[in-house]
Protein backbone atom coordinates (compact mmCIF):
# COMPACT_ATOMS: atom_id res chain seq x y z
CA UNK A 1 4.91 -12.23 -6.64
CA UNK A 2 5.26 -9.48 -3.43
CA UNK A 3 2.47 -9.40 -1.00
CA UNK A 4 2.07 -5.62 -0.20
CA UNK A 5 0.43 -4.76 3.27
CA UNK A 6 -0.92 -1.68 4.65
CA UNK A 7 -2.25 -0.42 8.44
CA UNK A 8 -4.76 1.74 7.09
CA UNK A 9 -6.05 3.33 10.58
CA UNK A 10 -2.41 4.56 10.91
CA UNK A 11 -2.50 6.32 7.49
CA UNK A 12 -2.70 10.15 7.13
CA UNK A 13 -3.61 10.50 3.42
CA UNK A 14 -0.60 12.33 3.02
CA UNK A 15 -0.61 10.77 -0.85
CA UNK A 16 2.96 9.55 -0.93
CA UNK A 17 1.92 6.21 -2.02
CA UNK A 18 -0.05 7.24 -4.86
CA UNK A 19 2.35 9.44 -6.67
CA UNK A 20 4.96 6.41 -6.75
CA UNK A 21 2.10 3.58 -7.66
CA UNK A 22 -0.80 5.38 -9.11
CA UNK A 23 -2.40 1.85 -10.03
CA UNK A 24 -2.28 0.48 -6.57
CA UNK A 25 -2.83 3.31 -4.20
CA UNK A 26 -6.31 5.23 -4.09
CA UNK A 27 -7.42 8.51 -1.77
CA UNK A 28 -10.38 7.55 -0.73
CA UNK A 29 -13.18 10.63 -0.25
CA UNK A 30 -15.21 9.38 2.30
CA UNK A 31 -11.62 9.70 4.84
CA UNK A 32 -8.92 10.84 2.97
CA UNK A 33 -6.56 8.18 4.12
CA UNK A 34 -4.73 6.07 1.88
CA UNK A 35 -6.42 3.01 0.25
CA UNK A 36 -4.44 -0.49 -1.58
CA UNK A 37 -6.64 -1.10 -4.43
CA UNK A 38 -7.19 -4.89 -4.27
CA UNK A 39 -6.88 -4.94 -0.73
CA UNK A 40 -8.24 -7.38 1.56
CA UNK A 41 -8.96 -6.29 5.16
CA UNK A 42 -7.75 -8.63 8.04
CA UNK A 43 -8.15 -6.58 11.90
CA UNK A 44 -7.11 -3.76 9.93
CA UNK A 45 -4.68 -4.31 8.20
CA UNK A 46 -5.05 -4.35 4.52
CA UNK A 47 -3.58 -6.84 2.20
CA UNK A 48 -2.92 -7.74 -1.37
CA UNK A 49 -0.75 -10.27 -3.83
CA UNK A 50 0.29 -8.66 -6.86
CA UNK A 51 2.80 -9.18 -9.50
CA UNK A 52 6.93 -8.86 -9.48
CA UNK A 53 6.59 -6.14 -11.78
CA UNK A 54 4.98 -3.79 -9.17
CA UNK A 55 7.50 -4.45 -6.68
CA UNK A 56 9.56 -1.31 -7.47
CA UNK A 57 7.22 1.51 -7.40
CA UNK A 58 5.75 0.17 -4.13
CA UNK A 59 8.61 -0.65 -2.28
CA UNK A 60 9.00 3.22 -3.37
CA UNK A 61 5.69 4.62 -1.94
CA UNK A 62 6.76 2.63 1.31
CA UNK A 63 9.94 4.24 1.97
CA UNK A 64 8.47 7.06 0.78
CA UNK A 65 6.00 6.63 3.43
CA UNK A 66 6.30 9.25 6.13
CA UNK A 67 4.23 7.12 9.17
CA UNK A 68 5.93 3.67 8.32
CA UNK A 69 2.87 1.85 7.63
CA UNK A 70 3.10 0.40 4.04
CA UNK A 71 5.33 -3.40 3.45
CA UNK A 72 6.79 -5.16 1.05
CA UNK A 73 6.75 -8.77 1.37
CA UNK A 74 8.40 -10.98 -0.76
CA UNK A 75 6.24 -14.50 -1.54
CA UNK A 76 8.98 -17.65 -2.04
CA UNK A 77 7.40 -19.97 -4.11
């Protein structure tokens, strides 16, 4: 399992994460920022735990983010 964390307030809505992992990211129609699908907000940081098969595409999303607001963490069992 992995945890995806996003600092959404700093998102510039460039769409790079959406292009890399379409099933996990969306652009909000309200404010134009990217939204972590399934993410839970805790003080401006959104996070979600997902299966390992989503890791590669979300690592690409994190690398492609120009403002570096996406972090991927392995969850130890």
